[in-house]
PDB file of N, CA and C in Angstrom:
ATOM      1  N   MET A   1       6.950 -38.071   1.243  1.00  0.00           N
ATOM      2  CA  MET A   1       6.049 -37.390   2.157  1.00  0.00           C
ATOM      3  C   MET A   1       5.489 -36.147   1.469  1.00  0.00           C
ATOM      4  N   GLU A   2       4.206 -35.977   1.532  1.00  0.00           N
ATOM      5  CA  GLU A   2       3.531 -34.863   0.865  1.00  0.00           C
ATOM      6  C   GLU A   2       3.494 -33.641   1.773  1.00  0.00           C
ATOM      7  N   GLN A   3       3.789 -32.444   1.201  1.00  0.00           N
ATOM      8  CA  GLN A   3       3.758 -31.213   1.994  1.00  0.00           C
ATOM      9  C   GLN A   3       2.347 -30.664   2.061  1.00  0.00           C
ATOM     10  N   GLU A   4       2.039 -30.024   3.186  1.00  0.00           N
ATOM     11  CA  GLU A   4       0.721 -29.416   3.367  1.00  0.00           C
ATOM     12  C   GLU A   4       0.556 -28.200   2.484  1.00  0.00           C
ATOM     13  N   GLU A   5      -0.669 -27.961   2.050  1.00  0.00           N
ATOM     14  CA  GLU A   5      -0.983 -26.743   1.304  1.00  0.00           C
ATOM     15  C   GLU A   5      -1.064 -25.581   2.275  1.00  0.00           C
ATOM     16  N   SER A   6      -0.663 -24.441   1.846  1.00  0.00           N
ATOM     17  CA  SER A   6      -0.724 -23.235   2.671  1.00  0.00           C
ATOM     18  C   SER A   6      -1.777 -22.294   2.121  1.00  0.00           C
ATOM     19  N   SER A   7      -2.358 -21.479   3.001  1.00  0.00           N
ATOM     20  CA  SER A   7      -3.333 -20.487   2.567  1.00  0.00           C
ATOM     21  C   SER A   7      -2.649 -19.224   2.040  1.00  0.00           C
ATOM     22  N   VAL A   8      -1.346 -19.114   2.220  1.00  0.00           N
ATOM     23  CA  VAL A   8      -0.600 -17.947   1.763  1.00  0.00           C
ATOM     24  C   VAL A   8       0.065 -18.280   0.439  1.00  0.00           C
ATOM     25  N   PRO A   9      -0.215 -17.489  -0.618  1.00  0.00           N
ATOM     26  CA  PRO A   9       0.393 -17.770  -1.911  1.00  0.00           C
ATOM     27  C   PRO A   9       1.915 -17.798  -1.830  1.00  0.00           C
ATOM     28  N   GLY A  10       2.517 -18.802  -2.448  1.00  0.00           N
ATOM     29  CA  GLY A  10       3.968 -18.888  -2.496  1.00  0.00           C
ATOM     30  C   GLY A  10       4.612 -19.436  -1.240  1.00  0.00           C
ATOM     31  N   MET A  11       3.829 -19.762  -0.228  1.00  0.00           N
ATOM     32  CA  MET A  11       4.377 -20.275   1.025  1.00  0.00           C
ATOM     33  C   MET A  11       4.049 -21.758   1.150  1.00  0.00           C
ATOM     34  N   MET A  12       4.961 -22.517   1.745  1.00  0.00           N
ATOM     35  CA  MET A  12       4.749 -23.939   1.943  1.00  0.00           C
ATOM     36  C   MET A  12       5.047 -24.292   3.390  1.00  0.00           C
ATOM     37  N   GLY A  13       4.501 -25.397   3.845  1.00  0.00           N
ATOM     38  CA  GLY A  13       4.803 -25.877   5.182  1.00  0.00           C
ATOM     39  C   GLY A  13       3.655 -25.676   6.149  1.00  0.00           C
ATOM     40  N   HIS A  14       3.794 -26.280   7.321  1.00  0.00           N
ATOM     41  CA  HIS A  14       2.710 -26.267   8.291  1.00  0.00           C
ATOM     42  C   HIS A  14       2.521 -24.935   9.000  1.00  0.00           C
ATOM     43  N   ASN A  15       3.533 -24.088   9.043  1.00  0.00           N
ATOM     44  CA  ASN A  15       3.392 -22.811   9.759  1.00  0.00           C
ATOM     45  C   ASN A  15       3.369 -21.607   8.825  1.00  0.00           C
ATOM     46  N   ALA A  16       3.198 -21.825   7.524  1.00  0.00           N
ATOM     47  CA  ALA A  16       3.246 -20.715   6.572  1.00  0.00           C
ATOM     48  C   ALA A  16       2.150 -19.692   6.834  1.00  0.00           C
ATOM     49  N   GLY A  17       1.010 -20.105   7.346  1.00  0.00           N
ATOM     50  CA  GLY A  17      -0.085 -19.183   7.613  1.00  0.00           C
ATOM     51  C   GLY A  17       0.205 -18.199   8.725  1.00  0.00           C
ATOM     52  N   ASN A  18       1.256 -18.439   9.515  1.00  0.00           N
ATOM     53  CA  ASN A  18       1.588 -17.560  10.636  1.00  0.00           C
ATOM     54  C   ASN A  18       2.644 -16.524  10.278  1.00  0.00           C
ATOM     55  N   ILE A  19       3.161 -16.557   9.073  1.00  0.00           N
ATOM     56  CA  ILE A  19       4.207 -15.620   8.665  1.00  0.00           C
ATOM     57  C   ILE A  19       3.570 -14.271   8.336  1.00  0.00           C
ATOM     58  N   THR A  20       4.170 -13.220   8.862  1.00  0.00           N
ATOM     59  CA  THR A  20       3.649 -11.877   8.605  1.00  0.00           C
ATOM     60  C   THR A  20       4.767 -10.979   8.074  1.00  0.00           C
ATOM     61  N   VAL A  21       4.363  -9.863   7.504  1.00  0.00           N
ATOM     62  CA  VAL A  21       5.302  -8.832   7.076  1.00  0.00           C
ATOM     63  C   VAL A  21       4.872  -7.518   7.710  1.00  0.00           C
ATOM     64  N   LYS A  22       5.842  -6.729   8.092  1.00  0.00           N
ATOM     65  CA  LYS A  22       5.562  -5.399   8.638  1.00  0.00           C
ATOM     66  C   LYS A  22       5.853  -4.377   7.561  1.00  0.00           C
ATOM     67  N   VAL A  23       4.884  -3.502   7.328  1.00  0.00           N
ATOM     68  CA  VAL A  23       5.035  -2.439   6.338  1.00  0.00           C
ATOM     69  C   VAL A  23       4.654  -1.110   6.967  1.00  0.00           C
ATOM     70  N   GLU A  24       5.146  -0.043   6.372  1.00  0.00           N
ATOM     71  CA  GLU A  24       4.796   1.306   6.815  1.00  0.00           C
ATOM     72  C   GLU A  24       3.993   1.974   5.711  1.00  0.00           C
ATOM     73  N   VAL A  25       2.870   2.569   6.078  1.00  0.00           N
ATOM     74  CA  VAL A  25       2.016   3.252   5.113  1.00  0.00           C
ATOM     75  C   VAL A  25       2.020   4.733   5.458  1.00  0.00           C
ATOM     76  N   ARG A  26       2.324   5.555   4.443  1.00  0.00           N
ATOM     77  CA  ARG A  26       2.335   7.008   4.619  1.00  0.00           C
ATOM     78  C   ARG A  26       1.253   7.590   3.721  1.00  0.00           C
ATOM     79  N   LEU A  27       0.368   8.370   4.322  1.00  0.00           N
ATOM     80  CA  LEU A  27      -0.754   8.951   3.593  1.00  0.00           C
ATOM     81  C   LEU A  27      -0.546  10.446   3.408  1.00  0.00           C
ATOM     82  N   PHE A  28      -0.903  10.940   2.221  1.00  0.00           N
ATOM     83  CA  PHE A  28      -0.700  12.348   1.885  1.00  0.00           C
ATOM     84  C   PHE A  28      -1.979  12.955   1.306  1.00  0.00           C
ATOM     85  N   ASN A  29      -2.037  14.272   1.378  1.00  0.00           N
ATOM     86  CA  ASN A  29      -3.123  15.073   0.814  1.00  0.00           C
ATOM     87  C   ASN A  29      -4.475  14.599   1.353  1.00  0.00           C
ATOM     88  N   SER A  30      -5.446  14.370   0.492  1.00  0.00           N
ATOM     89  CA  SER A  30      -6.801  14.048   0.960  1.00  0.00           C
ATOM     90  C   SER A  30      -6.898  12.682   1.641  1.00  0.00           C
ATOM     91  N   LEU A  31      -5.881  11.841   1.520  1.00  0.00           N
ATOM     92  CA  LEU A  31      -5.941  10.510   2.135  1.00  0.00           C
ATOM     93  C   LEU A  31      -5.561  10.518   3.613  1.00  0.00           C
ATOM     94  N   THR A  32      -5.072  11.649   4.117  1.00  0.00           N
ATOM     95  CA  THR A  32      -4.678  11.690   5.528  1.00  0.00           C
ATOM     96  C   THR A  32      -5.864  11.436   6.455  1.00  0.00           C
ATOM     97  N   ARG A  33      -7.065  11.654   5.985  1.00  0.00           N
ATOM     98  CA  ARG A  33      -8.241  11.415   6.844  1.00  0.00           C
ATOM     99  C   ARG A  33      -8.431   9.934   7.159  1.00  0.00           C
ATOM    100  N   TYR A  34      -7.764   9.043   6.407  1.00  0.00           N
ATOM    101  CA  TYR A  34      -7.857   7.612   6.664  1.00  0.00           C
ATOM    102  C   TYR A  34      -6.814   7.128   7.668  1.00  0.00           C
ATOM    103  N   ALA A  35      -5.906   8.016   8.064  1.00  0.00           N
ATOM    104  CA  ALA A  35      -4.867   7.651   9.029  1.00  0.00           C
ATOM    105  C   ALA A  35      -5.487   7.500  10.408  1.00  0.00           C
ATOM    106  N   ARG A  36      -4.982   6.552  11.144  1.00  0.00           N
ATOM    107  CA  ARG A  36      -5.504   6.298  12.496  1.00  0.00           C
ATOM    108  C   ARG A  36      -5.012   7.334  13.499  1.00  0.00           C
ATOM    109  N   ASP A  37      -3.821   7.900  13.227  1.00  0.00           N
ATOM    110  CA  ASP A  37      -3.203   8.792  14.200  1.00  0.00           C
ATOM    111  C   ASP A  37      -2.693  10.063  13.526  1.00  0.00           C
ATOM    112  N   GLY A  38      -3.602  10.776  12.906  1.00  0.00           N
ATOM    113  CA  GLY A  38      -3.215  12.030  12.272  1.00  0.00           C
ATOM    114  C   GLY A  38      -2.301  11.842  11.084  1.00  0.00           C
ATOM    115  N   LEU A  39      -1.212  12.605  11.057  1.00  0.00           N
ATOM    116  CA  LEU A  39      -0.293  12.587   9.919  1.00  0.00           C
ATOM    117  C   LEU A  39       0.865  11.616  10.079  1.00  0.00           C
ATOM    118  N   LYS A  40       0.887  10.850  11.156  1.00  0.00           N
ATOM    119  CA  LYS A  40       1.988   9.924  11.397  1.00  0.00           C
ATOM    120  C   LYS A  40       1.876   8.713  10.471  1.00  0.00           C
ATOM    121  N   PRO A  41       3.019   8.154  10.064  1.00  0.00           N
ATOM    122  CA  PRO A  41       2.981   6.916   9.278  1.00  0.00           C
ATOM    123  C   PRO A  41       2.280   5.804  10.060  1.00  0.00           C
ATOM    124  N   VAL A  42       1.614   4.936   9.340  1.00  0.00           N
ATOM    125  CA  VAL A  42       0.884   3.827   9.947  1.00  0.00           C
ATOM    126  C   VAL A  42       1.705   2.559   9.770  1.00  0.00           C
ATOM    127  N   SER A  43       2.035   1.901  10.876  1.00  0.00           N
ATOM    128  CA  SER A  43       2.717   0.613  10.818  1.00  0.00           C
ATOM    129  C   SER A  43       1.668  -0.476  10.788  1.00  0.00           C
ATOM    130  N   MET A  44       1.832  -1.413   9.864  1.00  0.00           N
ATOM    131  CA  MET A  44       0.867  -2.504   9.730  1.00  0.00           C
ATOM    132  C   MET A  44       1.608  -3.829   9.697  1.00  0.00           C
ATOM    133  N   GLU A  45       1.009  -4.830  10.316  1.00  0.00           N
ATOM    134  CA  GLU A  45       1.515  -6.190  10.229  1.00  0.00           C
ATOM    135  C   GLU A  45       0.450  -6.995   9.492  1.00  0.00           C
ATOM    136  N   LEU A  46       0.847  -7.561   8.359  1.00  0.00           N
ATOM    137  CA  LEU A  46      -0.080  -8.250   7.467  1.00  0.00           C
ATOM    138  C   LEU A  46       0.418  -9.666   7.210  1.00  0.00           C
ATOM    139  N   PRO A  47      -0.477 -10.572   6.815  1.00  0.00           N
ATOM    140  CA  PRO A  47      -0.028 -11.915   6.448  1.00  0.00           C
ATOM    141  C   PRO A  47       0.912 -11.852   5.243  1.00  0.00           C
ATOM    142  N   ALA A  48       1.919 -12.718   5.223  1.00  0.00           N
ATOM    143  CA  ALA A  48       2.819 -12.797   4.072  1.00  0.00           C
ATOM    144  C   ALA A  48       1.979 -13.058   2.830  1.00  0.00           C
ATOM    145  N   GLY A  49       2.374 -12.442   1.739  1.00  0.00           N
ATOM    146  CA  GLY A  49       1.619 -12.574   0.499  1.00  0.00           C
ATOM    147  C   GLY A  49       0.564 -11.501   0.326  1.00  0.00           C
ATOM    148  N   SER A  50       0.524 -10.539   1.249  1.00  0.00           N
ATOM    149  CA  SER A  50      -0.452  -9.449   1.152  1.00  0.00           C
ATOM    150  C   SER A  50      -0.055  -8.487   0.037  1.00  0.00           C
ATOM    151  N   SER A  51      -1.049  -7.768  -0.453  1.00  0.00           N
ATOM    152  CA  SER A  51      -0.835  -6.840  -1.566  1.00  0.00           C
ATOM    153  C   SER A  51      -1.232  -5.426  -1.162  1.00  0.00           C
ATOM    154  N   VAL A  52      -0.984  -4.489  -2.066  1.00  0.00           N
ATOM    155  CA  VAL A  52      -1.397  -3.107  -1.856  1.00  0.00           C
ATOM    156  C   VAL A  52      -2.916  -3.049  -1.686  1.00  0.00           C
ATOM    157  N   GLY A  53      -3.636  -3.844  -2.434  1.00  0.00           N
ATOM    158  CA  GLY A  53      -5.097  -3.898  -2.303  1.00  0.00           C
ATOM    159  C   GLY A  53      -5.531  -4.302  -0.908  1.00  0.00           C
ATOM    160  N   ASP A  54      -4.782  -5.207  -0.265  1.00  0.00           N
ATOM    161  CA  ASP A  54      -5.098  -5.605   1.105  1.00  0.00           C
ATOM    162  C   ASP A  54      -4.951  -4.423   2.065  1.00  0.00           C
ATOM    163  N   VAL A  55      -3.932  -3.597   1.847  1.00  0.00           N
ATOM    164  CA  VAL A  55      -3.738  -2.393   2.673  1.00  0.00           C
ATOM    165  C   VAL A  55      -4.912  -1.441   2.479  1.00  0.00           C
ATOM    166  N   LEU A  56      -5.296  -1.211   1.235  1.00  0.00           N
ATOM    167  CA  LEU A  56      -6.422  -0.309   0.955  1.00  0.00           C
ATOM    168  C   LEU A  56      -7.695  -0.804   1.633  1.00  0.00           C
ATOM    169  N   ARG A  57      -7.956  -2.097   1.548  1.00  0.00           N
ATOM    170  CA  ARG A  57      -9.164  -2.647   2.192  1.00  0.00           C
ATOM    171  C   ARG A  57      -9.080  -2.547   3.711  1.00  0.00           C
ATOM    172  N   GLU A  58      -7.913  -2.851   4.272  1.00  0.00           N
ATOM    173  CA  GLU A  58      -7.725  -2.786   5.722  1.00  0.00           C
ATOM    174  C   GLU A  58      -7.939  -1.364   6.252  1.00  0.00           C
ATOM    175  N   MET A  59      -7.458  -0.371   5.489  1.00  0.00           N
ATOM    176  CA  MET A  59      -7.578   1.025   5.917  1.00  0.00           C
ATOM    177  C   MET A  59      -8.867   1.678   5.417  1.00  0.00           C
ATOM    178  N   LYS A  60      -9.667   0.910   4.669  1.00  0.00           N
ATOM    179  CA  LYS A  60     -10.940   1.389   4.122  1.00  0.00           C
ATOM    180  C   LYS A  60     -10.745   2.605   3.198  1.00  0.00           C
ATOM    181  N   ILE A  61      -9.712   2.520   2.355  1.00  0.00           N
ATOM    182  CA  ILE A  61      -9.425   3.573   1.381  1.00  0.00           C
ATOM    183  C   ILE A  61      -9.917   3.096   0.020  1.00  0.00           C
ATOM    184  N   PRO A  62     -10.885   3.773  -0.568  1.00  0.00           N
ATOM    185  CA  PRO A  62     -11.329   3.384  -1.911  1.00  0.00           C
ATOM    186  C   PRO A  62     -10.192   3.560  -2.919  1.00  0.00           C
ATOM    187  N   GLY A  63      -9.959   2.553  -3.743  1.00  0.00           N
ATOM    188  CA  GLY A  63      -8.895   2.625  -4.750  1.00  0.00           C
ATOM    189  C   GLY A  63      -9.046   3.806  -5.675  1.00  0.00           C
ATOM    190  N   SER A  64     -10.294   4.214  -5.920  1.00  0.00           N
ATOM    191  CA  SER A  64     -10.544   5.342  -6.822  1.00  0.00           C
ATOM    192  C   SER A  64     -10.069   6.674  -6.232  1.00  0.00           C
ATOM    193  N   LYS A  65      -9.809   6.732  -4.940  1.00  0.00           N
ATOM    194  CA  LYS A  65      -9.343   7.957  -4.281  1.00  0.00           C
ATOM    195  C   LYS A  65      -7.822   8.093  -4.320  1.00  0.00           C
ATOM    196  N   VAL A  66      -7.121   7.026  -4.722  1.00  0.00           N
ATOM    197  CA  VAL A  66      -5.662   7.033  -4.748  1.00  0.00           C
ATOM    198  C   VAL A  66      -5.190   7.491  -6.123  1.00  0.00           C
ATOM    199  N   TYR A  67      -4.484   8.615  -6.167  1.00  0.00           N
ATOM    200  CA  TYR A  67      -3.989   9.168  -7.421  1.00  0.00           C
ATOM    201  C   TYR A  67      -2.511   8.855  -7.634  1.00  0.00           C
ATOM    202  N   LEU A  68      -1.798   8.581  -6.557  1.00  0.00           N
ATOM    203  CA  LEU A  68      -0.383   8.260  -6.653  1.00  0.00           C
ATOM    204  C   LEU A  68      -0.056   7.225  -5.587  1.00  0.00           C
ATOM    205  N   ALA A  69       0.621   6.160  -5.994  1.00  0.00           N
ATOM    206  CA  ALA A  69       1.066   5.133  -5.058  1.00  0.00           C
ATOM    207  C   ALA A  69       2.539   4.857  -5.311  1.00  0.00           C
ATOM    208  N   LEU A  70       3.338   5.002  -4.269  1.00  0.00           N
ATOM    209  CA  LEU A  70       4.768   4.742  -4.357  1.00  0.00           C
ATOM    210  C   LEU A  70       5.115   3.603  -3.414  1.00  0.00           C
ATOM    211  N   LEU A  71       5.725   2.561  -3.945  1.00  0.00           N
ATOM    212  CA  LEU A  71       6.181   1.440  -3.129  1.00  0.00           C
ATOM    213  C   LEU A  71       7.697   1.526  -3.079  1.00  0.00           C
ATOM    214  N   ASN A  72       8.219   1.843  -1.903  1.00  0.00           N
ATOM    215  CA  ASN A  72       9.657   2.063  -1.713  1.00  0.00           C
ATOM    216  C   ASN A  72      10.195   3.113  -2.689  1.00  0.00           C
ATOM    217  N   GLY A  73       9.391   4.159  -2.909  1.00  0.00           N
ATOM    218  CA  GLY A  73       9.813   5.274  -3.741  1.00  0.00           C
ATOM    219  C   GLY A  73       9.577   5.098  -5.229  1.00  0.00           C
ATOM    220  N   ARG A  74       9.030   3.952  -5.634  1.00  0.00           N
ATOM    221  CA  ARG A  74       8.770   3.708  -7.066  1.00  0.00           C
ATOM    222  C   ARG A  74       7.275   3.741  -7.340  1.00  0.00           C
ATOM    223  N   ASP A  75       6.916   4.460  -8.378  1.00  0.00           N
ATOM    224  CA  ASP A  75       5.516   4.589  -8.781  1.00  0.00           C
ATOM    225  C   ASP A  75       4.985   3.221  -9.225  1.00  0.00           C
ATOM    226  N   ILE A  76       3.854   2.802  -8.665  1.00  0.00           N
ATOM    227  CA  ILE A  76       3.293   1.499  -9.038  1.00  0.00           C
ATOM    228  C   ILE A  76       1.987   1.656  -9.821  1.00  0.00           C
ATOM    229  N   THR A  77       1.847   2.785 -10.495  1.00  0.00           N
ATOM    230  CA  THR A  77       0.729   2.951 -11.424  1.00  0.00           C
ATOM    231  C   THR A  77       1.294   2.868 -12.834  1.00  0.00           C
ATOM    232  N   SER A  78       0.494   2.353 -13.758  1.00  0.00           N
ATOM    233  CA  SER A  78       1.007   2.135 -15.104  1.00  0.00           C
ATOM    234  C   SER A  78       1.049   3.404 -15.943  1.00  0.00           C
ATOM    235  N   SER A  79       0.185   4.382 -15.628  1.00  0.00           N
ATOM    236  CA  SER A  79       0.206   5.654 -16.342  1.00  0.00           C
ATOM    237  C   SER A  79      -0.430   6.727 -15.470  1.00  0.00           C
ATOM    238  N   LEU A  80      -0.400   7.946 -15.936  1.00  0.00           N
ATOM    239  CA  LEU A  80      -0.830   9.089 -15.138  1.00  0.00           C
ATOM    240  C   LEU A  80      -2.247   8.942 -14.589  1.00  0.00           C
ATOM    241  N   TYR A  81      -3.189   8.496 -15.401  1.00  0.00           N
ATOM    242  CA  TYR A  81      -4.579   8.425 -14.945  1.00  0.00           C
ATOM    243  C   TYR A  81      -5.045   6.999 -14.711  1.00  0.00           C
ATOM    244  N   ALA A  82      -4.125   6.053 -14.637  1.00  0.00           N
ATOM    245  CA  ALA A  82      -4.478   4.648 -14.412  1.00  0.00           C
ATOM    246  C   ALA A  82      -4.722   4.394 -12.935  1.00  0.00           C
ATOM    247  N   ALA A  83      -5.440   3.331 -12.654  1.00  0.00           N
ATOM    248  CA  ALA A  83      -5.689   2.929 -11.273  1.00  0.00           C
ATOM    249  C   ALA A  83      -4.395   2.388 -10.657  1.00  0.00           C
ATOM    250  N   VAL A  84      -4.304   2.498  -9.347  1.00  0.00           N
ATOM    251  CA  VAL A  84      -3.137   1.971  -8.636  1.00  0.00           C
ATOM    252  C   VAL A  84      -3.096   0.454  -8.815  1.00  0.00           C
ATOM    253  N   ASN A  85      -1.896  -0.097  -8.867  1.00  0.00           N
ATOM    254  CA  ASN A  85      -1.724  -1.537  -8.997  1.00  0.00           C
ATOM    255  C   ASN A  85      -1.981  -2.199  -7.646  1.00  0.00           C
ATOM    256  N   GLU A  86      -3.210  -2.608  -7.413  1.00  0.00           N
ATOM    257  CA  GLU A  86      -3.575  -3.218  -6.137  1.00  0.00           C
ATOM    258  C   GLU A  86      -3.001  -4.612  -5.981  1.00  0.00           C
ATOM    259  N   ASN A  87      -2.482  -5.199  -7.050  1.00  0.00           N
ATOM    260  CA  ASN A  87      -1.905  -6.538  -6.982  1.00  0.00           C
ATOM    261  C   ASN A  87      -0.427  -6.540  -6.623  1.00  0.00           C
ATOM    262  N   ALA A  88       0.186  -5.365  -6.497  1.00  0.00           N
ATOM    263  CA  ALA A  88       1.603  -5.294  -6.139  1.00  0.00           C
ATOM    264  C   ALA A  88       1.798  -5.932  -4.766  1.00  0.00           C
ATOM    265  N   MET A  89       2.720  -6.891  -4.707  1.00  0.00           N
ATOM    266  CA  MET A  89       2.959  -7.632  -3.467  1.00  0.00           C
ATOM    267  C   MET A  89       3.851  -6.840  -2.519  1.00  0.00           C
ATOM    268  N   LEU A  90       3.621  -7.038  -1.236  1.00  0.00           N
ATOM    269  CA  LEU A  90       4.384  -6.344  -0.199  1.00  0.00           C
ATOM    270  C   LEU A  90       5.380  -7.290   0.458  1.00  0.00           C
ATOM    271  N   ASP A  91       6.558  -6.760   0.793  1.00  0.00           N
ATOM    272  CA  ASP A  91       7.595  -7.515   1.485  1.00  0.00           C
ATOM    273  C   ASP A  91       7.893  -6.848   2.816  1.00  0.00           C
ATOM    274  N   GLU A  92       8.583  -7.573   3.669  1.00  0.00           N
ATOM    275  CA  GLU A  92       8.989  -7.072   4.977  1.00  0.00           C
ATOM    276  C   GLU A  92       9.735  -5.750   4.830  1.00  0.00           C
ATOM    277  N   GLY A  93       9.300  -4.736   5.596  1.00  0.00           N
ATOM    278  CA  GLY A  93       9.979  -3.452   5.625  1.00  0.00           C
ATOM    279  C   GLY A  93       9.611  -2.487   4.514  1.00  0.00           C
ATOM    280  N   ASP A  94       8.674  -2.871   3.654  1.00  0.00           N
ATOM    281  CA  ASP A  94       8.271  -1.973   2.572  1.00  0.00           C
ATOM    282  C   ASP A  94       7.641  -0.697   3.124  1.00  0.00           C
ATOM    283  N   VAL A  95       7.816   0.390   2.373  1.00  0.00           N
ATOM    284  CA  VAL A  95       7.168   1.665   2.685  1.00  0.00           C
ATOM    285  C   VAL A  95       6.243   1.981   1.518  1.00  0.00           C
ATOM    286  N   LEU A  96       4.955   2.116   1.824  1.00  0.00           N
ATOM    287  CA  LEU A  96       3.939   2.403   0.821  1.00  0.00           C
ATOM    288  C   LEU A  96       3.430   3.822   1.039  1.00  0.00           C
ATOM    289  N   GLY A  97       3.632   4.674   0.051  1.00  0.00           N
ATOM    290  CA  GLY A  97       3.140   6.047   0.106  1.00  0.00           C
ATOM    291  C   GLY A  97       1.915   6.172  -0.784  1.00  0.00           C
ATOM    292  N   LEU A  98       0.832   6.706  -0.233  1.00  0.00           N
ATOM    293  CA  LEU A  98      -0.417   6.867  -0.976  1.00  0.00           C
ATOM    294  C   LEU A  98      -0.859   8.321  -0.915  1.00  0.00           C
ATOM    295  N   SER A  99      -1.256   8.864  -2.060  1.00  0.00           N
ATOM    296  CA  SER A  99      -1.676  10.257  -2.113  1.00  0.00           C
ATOM    297  C   SER A  99      -2.971  10.393  -2.885  1.00  0.00           C
ATOM    298  N   GLY A 100      -3.799  11.312  -2.418  1.00  0.00           N
ATOM    299  CA  GLY A 100      -4.977  11.713  -3.169  1.00  0.00           C
ATOM    300  C   GLY A 100      -4.532  12.744  -4.190  1.00  0.00           C
ATOM    301  N   PRO A 101      -5.480  13.470  -4.770  1.00  0.00           N
ATOM    302  CA  PRO A 101      -5.110  14.492  -5.756  1.00  0.00           C
ATOM    303  C   PRO A 101      -4.120  15.494  -5.156  1.00  0.00           C
ATOM    304  N   VAL A 102      -3.155  15.887  -5.959  1.00  0.00           N
ATOM    305  CA  VAL A 102      -2.140  16.839  -5.517  1.00  0.00           C
ATOM    306  C   VAL A 102      -2.658  18.237  -5.803  1.00  0.00           C
ATOM    307  N   PRO A 103      -2.677  19.115  -4.794  1.00  0.00           N
ATOM    308  CA  PRO A 103      -3.181  20.473  -5.037  1.00  0.00           C
ATOM    309  C   PRO A 103      -2.290  21.232  -6.005  1.00  0.00           C
ATOM    310  N   TYR A 104      -2.903  22.065  -6.800  1.00  0.00           N
ATOM    311  CA  TYR A 104      -2.175  22.871  -7.780  1.00  0.00           C
ATOM    312  C   TYR A 104      -1.631  24.108  -7.082  1.00  0.00           C
ATOM    313  N   SER A 105      -0.408  24.441  -7.372  1.00  0.00           N
ATOM    314  CA  SER A 105       0.210  25.616  -6.758  1.00  0.00           C
ATOM    315  C   SER A 105       0.487  26.667  -7.831  1.00  0.00           C
ATOM    316  N   TRP A 106      -0.188  27.803  -7.735  1.00  0.00           N
ATOM    317  CA  TRP A 106       0.040  28.883  -8.685  1.00  0.00           C
ATOM    318  C   TRP A 106       1.424  29.474  -8.535  1.00  0.00           C
ATOM    319  N   GLY A 107       1.977  29.420  -7.346  1.00  0.00           N
ATOM    320  CA  GLY A 107       3.299  29.973  -7.123  1.00  0.00           C
ATOM    321  C   GLY A 107       4.390  29.251  -7.906  1.00  0.00           C
ATOM    322  N   TYR A 108       4.223  27.971  -8.079  1.00  0.00           N
ATOM    323  CA  TYR A 108       5.225  27.192  -8.809  1.00  0.00           C
ATOM    324  C   TYR A 108       4.802  26.916 -10.252  1.00  0.00           C
ATOM    325  N   GLY A 109       3.527  27.086 -10.542  1.00  0.00           N
ATOM    326  CA  GLY A 109       3.047  26.857 -11.900  1.00  0.00           C
ATOM    327  C   GLY A 109       2.872  25.411 -12.239  1.00  0.00           C
ATOM    328  N   SER A 110       2.995  24.519 -11.258  1.00  0.00           N
ATOM    329  CA  SER A 110       2.814  23.092 -11.495  1.00  0.00           C
ATOM    330  C   SER A 110       2.386  22.419 -10.195  1.00  0.00           C
ATOM    331  N   PRO A 111       1.886  21.192 -10.289  1.00  0.00           N
ATOM    332  CA  PRO A 111       1.534  20.479  -9.052  1.00  0.00           C
ATOM    333  C   PRO A 111       2.751  20.317  -8.152  1.00  0.00           C
ATOM    334  N   VAL A 112       2.528  20.391  -6.871  1.00  0.00           N
ATOM    335  CA  VAL A 112       3.599  20.229  -5.894  1.00  0.00           C
ATOM    336  C   VAL A 112       3.365  18.933  -5.141  1.00  0.00           C
ATOM    337  N   VAL A 113       4.364  18.060  -5.137  1.00  0.00           N
ATOM    338  CA  VAL A 113       4.245  16.778  -4.429  1.00  0.00           C
ATOM    339  C   VAL A 113       4.969  16.887  -3.117  1.00  0.00           C
TER     340      VAL A 113
END
């Protein structure tokens, strides 16, 4: 018996298209203007197989505005001035932190995150 193709990468079976993942998105610095409810974390339910790029498109955040992206506390950019890895896949319960440019603090002599 042949299995049906799924529209979700890596998923098989007749109901694979209905599987979703819940993620939390936290926006910082200049990206807070893209939040739906002020400074509160944004809970999102996305189709399984969604990526960081899908979150950016859903929230209408230009990738060029993201200077730091942390997925579960780990930096997902390849280098300091590289673009965020929009292909990073999301799993159930992931926390995605996105920040615009970090303001410089003269009091500390270095950027403050």
